[in-house]
Amino acid sequence: MEAHPLQFKKKRDPERFEQAQHDIAELIKQAQAGEIELAYVDEAGFAPQSPNRSAWTKSGEVHAITAKRAQRMNVIGAMLSSGRLMLAKLWQSVNGLWFFGFLMALIERVRKPLVVILDNASIHTAKKMKPYWDLLEEKGMRFYFLPPYSPELNRIELLWHKMKYEWLPFKTFTPDELEQAIDEIGRGFGSQYTLTFC
């Protein structure tokens, strides 16, 4: 179940949140001036079947619905200030090494200094991954870590919401169909599937 935005607001540090807003606004200016490429990066899980959230039943009757469980597909994504979208699909949990591999592929496709905006998930901050992050920094990648409880500052969260609740058909997918649907969004991003960005 997704957390309500008010839950985040109650827990966050308002000063750190305001500072992050200012910092990101400055990064956006740099991206618009062509000085850097800005990447909003995160992971999301996609289930082959739509979630059972609520239903309507006549008064006095018991509503029964079968809750189907299936393996989730995890997607690592990067929304770039140049308007591009890069996605990687996994039928397993995303760990630090998978995430590092994604960032290595990302930096190979960007020709400007690259700033990556991330939350503080453990796979982004694990101490055992420090040598990998150091290598990425040597290649010219900079990291901007968001303060806790600030998901709205990572613009890719809007992408995940659009994909799950607007762009993907409300249906049960086979694993292959779900992969194809995610690929179609990736190919059509910026033309058929659009977001206001940077």
Protein backbone atom coordinates (compact mmCIF):
# COMPACT_ATOMS: atom_id res chain seq x y z
CA MET A 1 0.00 0.00 0.00
CA GLU A 2 1.34 3.45 -0.87
CA ALA A 3 1.97 5.89 1.95
CA HIS A 4 -0.13 9.01 2.07
CA PRO A 5 1.83 12.25 1.38
CA LEU A 6 0.76 13.68 4.76
CA GLN A 7 2.63 10.86 6.51
CA PHE A 8 5.84 12.05 4.86
CA LYS A 9 5.21 15.69 5.76
CA LYS A 10 4.78 14.84 9.45
CA LYS A 11 8.12 13.01 9.60
CA ARG A 12 10.35 15.19 7.43
CA ASP A 13 12.72 17.92 8.53
CA PRO A 14 11.23 21.12 7.02
CA GLU A 15 14.60 22.90 6.82
CA ARG A 16 16.31 20.04 5.00
CA PHE A 17 13.32 19.73 2.66
CA GLU A 18 13.43 23.45 1.84
CA GLN A 19 17.20 23.29 1.26
CA ALA A 20 16.76 20.32 -1.08
CA GLN A 21 14.11 22.23 -3.04
CA HIS A 22 16.58 25.10 -3.45
CA ASP A 23 19.45 22.76 -4.42
CA ILE A 24 17.35 20.97 -7.03
CA ALA A 25 16.15 24.27 -8.49
CA GLU A 26 19.82 25.22 -8.97
CA LEU A 27 20.58 21.86 -10.60
CA ILE A 28 17.62 22.34 -12.95
CA LYS A 29 19.01 25.74 -13.97
CA GLN A 30 22.36 24.13 -14.73
CA ALA A 31 20.65 21.42 -16.78
CA GLN A 32 18.61 23.99 -18.71
CA ALA A 33 21.82 25.89 -19.46
CA GLY A 34 23.34 22.70 -20.87
CA GLU A 35 26.03 22.49 -18.20
CA ILE A 36 24.97 19.14 -16.75
CA GLU A 37 22.64 16.22 -17.37
CA LEU A 38 20.27 15.74 -14.45
CA ALA A 39 18.91 12.26 -13.77
CA TYR A 40 16.08 11.36 -11.39
CA VAL A 41 16.69 7.70 -10.52
CA ASP A 42 14.64 5.18 -8.54
CA GLU A 43 13.17 1.67 -8.57
CA ALA A 44 9.54 0.52 -8.66
CA GLY A 45 7.74 -2.81 -8.58
CA PHE A 46 5.05 -3.79 -11.09
CA ALA A 47 2.62 -6.66 -10.52
CA PRO A 48 1.13 -8.61 -13.45
CA GLN A 49 -2.35 -8.11 -11.96
CA SER A 50 -4.01 -4.89 -10.85
CA PRO A 51 -4.18 -4.32 -7.08
CA ASN A 52 -7.38 -5.19 -5.19
CA ARG A 53 -8.03 -1.85 -3.52
CA SER A 54 -11.77 -1.47 -3.07
CA ALA A 55 -15.01 -2.88 -4.35
CA TRP A 56 -18.74 -2.27 -4.22
CA THR A 57 -21.21 -4.80 -2.82
CA LYS A 58 -24.95 -4.61 -2.14
CA SER A 59 -25.91 -3.93 1.45
CA GLY A 60 -26.19 -7.14 3.45
CA GLU A 61 -24.07 -9.21 1.04
CA VAL A 62 -20.52 -10.36 1.64
CA HIS A 63 -18.02 -9.33 -1.00
CA ALA A 64 -15.45 -11.96 -1.83
CA ILE A 65 -12.62 -11.50 -4.26
CA THR A 66 -9.71 -13.78 -4.93
CA ALA A 67 -6.42 -12.04 -4.20
CA LYS A 68 -4.03 -13.42 -6.78
CA ARG A 69 -0.35 -13.31 -5.99
CA ALA A 70 2.34 -13.35 -8.65
CA GLN A 71 5.98 -12.47 -8.96
CA ARG A 72 6.57 -8.74 -9.31
CA MET A 73 8.77 -7.21 -11.94
CA ASN A 74 11.16 -4.58 -10.60
CA VAL A 75 12.14 -1.68 -12.81
CA ILE A 76 15.10 0.64 -12.33
CA GLY A 77 14.54 3.94 -14.10
CA ALA A 78 16.31 7.19 -14.90
CA MET A 79 14.45 10.26 -16.16
CA LEU A 80 16.96 12.59 -17.78
CA SER A 81 16.77 16.36 -18.14
CA SER A 82 17.37 15.89 -21.87
CA GLY A 83 13.93 14.22 -22.02
CA ARG A 84 15.17 10.66 -22.32
CA LEU A 85 14.05 7.71 -20.21
CA MET A 86 16.19 4.69 -19.43
CA LEU A 87 14.61 1.57 -17.90
CA ALA A 88 15.95 -1.83 -16.81
CA LYS A 89 13.58 -4.72 -15.94
CA LEU A 90 14.31 -7.47 -13.42
CA TRP A 91 12.22 -10.42 -12.27
CA GLN A 92 14.11 -10.42 -8.98
CA SER A 93 14.94 -8.03 -6.16
CA VAL A 94 17.11 -5.06 -7.02
CA ASN A 95 20.36 -5.17 -5.05
CA GLY A 96 23.33 -2.83 -4.95
CA LEU A 97 25.21 -4.60 -7.74
CA TRP A 98 22.23 -4.48 -10.12
CA PHE A 99 21.83 -0.81 -9.29
CA PHE A 100 25.54 -0.14 -9.88
CA GLY A 101 25.30 -1.90 -13.27
CA PHE A 102 22.38 0.31 -14.21
CA LEU A 103 24.30 3.46 -13.28
CA MET A 104 27.34 2.27 -15.25
CA ALA A 105 25.13 1.81 -18.32
CA LEU A 106 23.61 5.24 -17.70
CA ILE A 107 26.93 7.08 -17.52
CA GLU A 108 28.04 5.45 -20.78
CA ARG A 109 25.05 7.06 -22.54
CA VAL A 110 25.56 10.59 -21.20
CA ARG A 111 28.16 12.96 -22.62
CA LYS A 112 27.88 15.74 -19.99
CA PRO A 113 28.68 15.87 -16.29
CA LEU A 114 25.92 13.73 -14.75
CA VAL A 115 24.12 14.49 -11.47
CA VAL A 116 21.93 11.69 -10.12
CA ILE A 117 19.13 12.46 -7.67
CA LEU A 118 18.41 9.55 -5.31
CA ASP A 119 16.56 8.73 -2.13
CA ASN A 120 18.31 7.06 0.79
CA ALA A 121 17.26 3.46 0.11
CA SER A 122 19.75 0.96 1.51
CA ILE A 123 20.91 -0.15 -1.96
CA HIS A 124 21.88 3.48 -2.65
CA THR A 125 23.78 4.03 0.60
CA ALA A 126 25.18 0.63 1.72
CA LYS A 127 28.77 0.97 2.96
CA LYS A 128 29.85 -2.18 1.12
CA MET A 129 28.95 -0.43 -2.15
CA LYS A 130 31.22 2.58 -1.49
CA PRO A 131 34.02 1.39 -3.82
CA TYR A 132 31.46 1.12 -6.65
CA TRP A 133 30.10 4.62 -6.00
CA ASP A 134 33.70 5.92 -5.88
CA LEU A 135 34.29 4.40 -9.32
CA LEU A 136 31.19 6.13 -10.68
CA GLU A 137 32.37 9.43 -9.22
CA GLU A 138 35.76 8.95 -10.90
CA LYS A 139 33.86 8.61 -14.18
CA GLY A 140 32.16 11.96 -13.58
CA MET A 141 28.90 11.03 -11.82
CA ARG A 142 27.78 13.15 -8.87
CA PHE A 143 25.12 12.05 -6.40
CA TYR A 144 22.50 14.23 -4.75
CA PHE A 145 20.78 12.37 -1.90
CA LEU A 146 17.33 13.62 -0.95
CA PRO A 147 16.41 14.19 2.69
CA PRO A 148 14.23 11.46 4.26
CA TYR A 149 10.49 11.49 3.60
CA SER A 150 10.74 13.67 0.49
CA PRO A 151 9.53 11.44 -2.38
CA GLU A 152 7.92 14.33 -4.27
CA LEU A 153 11.38 15.83 -4.85
CA ASN A 154 12.31 12.84 -7.02
CA ARG A 155 10.36 13.51 -10.21
CA ILE A 156 10.55 9.90 -11.35
CA GLU A 157 7.95 9.14 -8.65
CA LEU A 158 5.45 10.91 -10.91
CA LEU A 159 6.49 8.63 -13.77
CA TRP A 160 5.88 5.49 -11.68
CA HIS A 161 2.43 6.79 -10.70
CA LYS A 162 1.52 7.57 -14.33
CA MET A 163 2.73 4.17 -15.49
CA LYS A 164 0.85 2.20 -12.84
CA TYR A 165 -2.42 4.13 -12.78
CA GLU A 166 -2.80 5.76 -16.21
CA TRP A 167 -0.51 4.39 -18.90
CA LEU A 168 -0.69 0.65 -18.21
CA PRO A 169 -4.06 -0.93 -19.11
CA PHE A 170 -6.15 -2.09 -16.16
CA LYS A 171 -5.84 -5.83 -16.81
CA THR A 172 -4.03 -8.97 -15.76
CA PHE A 173 -0.80 -9.43 -17.72
CA THR A 174 1.30 -12.46 -18.44
CA PRO A 175 4.96 -11.81 -17.58
CA ASP A 176 5.77 -11.34 -21.28
CA GLU A 177 2.86 -8.93 -21.75
CA LEU A 178 3.96 -6.87 -18.76
CA GLU A 179 7.51 -6.64 -20.11
CA GLN A 180 6.19 -5.60 -23.52
CA ALA A 181 3.92 -2.95 -21.96
CA ILE A 182 6.82 -1.47 -19.98
CA ASP A 183 9.00 -1.51 -23.12
CA GLU A 184 6.28 0.27 -25.09
CA ILE A 185 6.16 3.06 -22.51
CA GLY A 186 9.94 3.33 -22.61
CA ARG A 187 9.96 3.59 -26.42
CA GLY A 188 7.07 6.05 -26.51
CA PHE A 189 8.27 8.28 -23.68
CA GLY A 190 8.42 11.88 -24.82
CA SER A 191 6.01 11.36 -27.71
CA GLN A 192 3.08 9.08 -26.87
CA TYR A 193 3.75 9.22 -23.10
CA THR A 194 4.69 12.67 -21.84
CA LEU A 195 5.47 14.43 -18.59
CA THR A 196 6.39 18.04 -17.91
CA PHE A 197 10.04 17.87 -16.91
CA CYS A 198 12.98 20.02 -15.82
